[in-house]
Structure formats: C-alpha cells, structure tokens
Amino acid sequence: MVHVAEASVIIYRPVTHLWKHIATAENLPTMLAGVCSVTTDDPKGLLNIGTHPQGSCTFMGFRATWTATMAEFDAPKLMSATANFEAQPDLKFRATVDVVLEPVAEGTLLSVNVCVLAGAQNLFGEVSNEVAAIAYSRSLHANLMNLADWLDSGKRRNLTSRHREVLRMIQKGLTDREIAEKLYISPKTVGHHVSAILAAFRVTQRQDLRRSIDLPDK
C-alpha cells in the first residue's frame, strides 16, 4: 500500500533562487514537515545526484532516523529521493520524496509529494495510515506556507499592517466584499489595498496572490 501526502505553494522568488535554498541539505527542515535535522556527504552540504542525505524526523509521536539516495536531479526543476527509515530494529520502511519547481507569474510554484511505500503498516498505532497521510499533508502545507512567508519577508516590509491583513484574507479565498464586511470598510477601499499589494509583489492578477494551490482529485 502507498500513502501519499502532497502540497503546493507559490513563492515570490525566481526558480533559481528557490532552488538554491532547497538544494542545500540543512534547509530541508524548512520545507519538509517533521524533519528535524539533515546532513549529507557532499563537502559543501549540497544535494545532487548520487549524494546521500541523512537525518531524523518526528511526527505524531513517531520518531525515526533515515538515509536517502538522490534518484533524480534536474536543476532547477526537479529533485527526487528515496529514503529508508528505521524507527526501531523491527520497524523499517521506505518513502519517496519528489520536489518540483515551476515558474509562475513573478514567482515559483513549489510542489512536494511524499509517498510512503509498503512496510509501514501500523506505523501510528491506532491511527490509520490514511488519517496520518491527511494530517501530514496539512503539516506539509503549513510548512510550505511558512517557508513562503519567510522567503518573501523582504517584499512584505513594504506592506502596512492593514495590507497584510487584506493579503491573508485574499489567500484564504475571500472576495473584496467579504473582506470589507470583516474589516468594516468599503469594497472600494479594499480594492485600493489590493492594488497596493499587487504592486508590492509585482503581480498583475489577484489569483497570483493566492499561495494555496488546489491539487486535482485523483
């Protein structure tokens, strides 16, 4: 059985800038939920084909160490790794992690897909693996949102506190009228705020401000 967790987010950084960040082993915890520490056998600490990153992770009370092999590496578009996890002598399993970067608008669409392969039955005790996969997808998405906020902090310095408030509501999918009702201001004023936010991030369409990406049903 294969359990899949996946999440995507838009980060307002060029593909090459974002790739440089995620291709550095010590930065993986900022992207992958539950990963605590990472080292690699590359002298510069970089990920590349043939390198073997390793580290530890924790999630929902589960703790494990892991060693991975970079199976595919196409800078700055794609990296794929297979990791062997060991929680205790009699609990071992494998997982694959695929990371894809695509240019969009003035930024990059970052997508992460994690597949836990056979060998992980009863991994979380009374919690089914399907439920754990849903929980991990949410944690993964939260991690990516935090990464996006961190990397985009420079652009956010140009926004007022009200702009940040409006931006968060846009990213939750609220319309101008809904935002106006929540903030007790007019839709026209919301429109002015939206225009300022678009200019700050150098994007032209409102949907480009939505970090969260709806993944297609499988």
Foldseek 3Di string as FASTA:
>chain_A
DKFKAKFKFWALDALQVVQVQCQQFQNVCLQAPFFDGKAWPDPRRGDDAAIKIWGWGDDLRQIWTKIKGFPDDDPSFKTKIKIWIDRDPQQIWIKMKIWGWDDDFNTIMIMIMMMTDPRCACVNPPDGSNVSSVVSNVSNNVSVVVVRCVVCVVLCVPADPVLVVLLVVLLVPDDLCRSCVVVVHDSVVSVVSQVVSCVSSVGDDSVSSHTGDDDDDD
